[in-house]
Amino acid sequence: MPAVTPHSIKFCKNCGTAVNYRLPDDGDEKLRAVCPACTTVHYENPLNVVGSLPVWGQQVLLCKRNIEPRWGKWTLPAGFMELGETTAQGAARETTEEAGAQFELQELFSVINVPRVNQVHFFYLARLLSDQFAPGHETLEARLFDEADIPWDDIAFKTVRETLLHYFAQRQSGNFSVHCIDIA
């Protein structure tokens, strides 16, 4: 079942008038934030989370979170995409900010829809150029893990778990394909 629109828009971004949630006059079939003064229709869309799955030989890089949610849990370097950047640029920025890693960004690996929280997660494969890291303030620790040592019980998010599971399943063949996954 799709997520309910969060109704987070309170005021018109054009004129500042309090909006009403109603069906727009243009035939749209979803409730939208509509300004009663200037008739601007405001849309609420999913947030994009972008990140990478950095690899050094047979190891993957994980970051221990220094922020909520899931403080102290392990994740791939990722975060919200910024305006004016592509998904690849955002993934590269997040990898630099959270892990301080030197890397070469590679192909898109997973697209994960999380309608419950109105998000879409994009993870790219990345080839690490060094095993030295300088994590930023959002990361307690950046560390390489062999598959057998992944702290599965301490993985922060289902999207990260799914991405890692698909990576390890495909790693043997060396043929990676894009995975599109829905998480209820």
Foldseek 3Di string as FASTA:
>chain_A
DFADPPPPDQADPPPGAGWDFDAQPPPDPGTFTAHPPPGDTDDDAFWEKAAEFEDEPQWTKWFQFCDDDLHRFIFGQMGTDDPPDDSQVRHVVSCCAAWVFAWAWDAWAEWEAERNRRYIYTYTYIYTPDQDTDGHPRTPDMHIDHPVGPPVVRHRDPVRVVSVVQCVVCVVVVDGDYYYYYDD
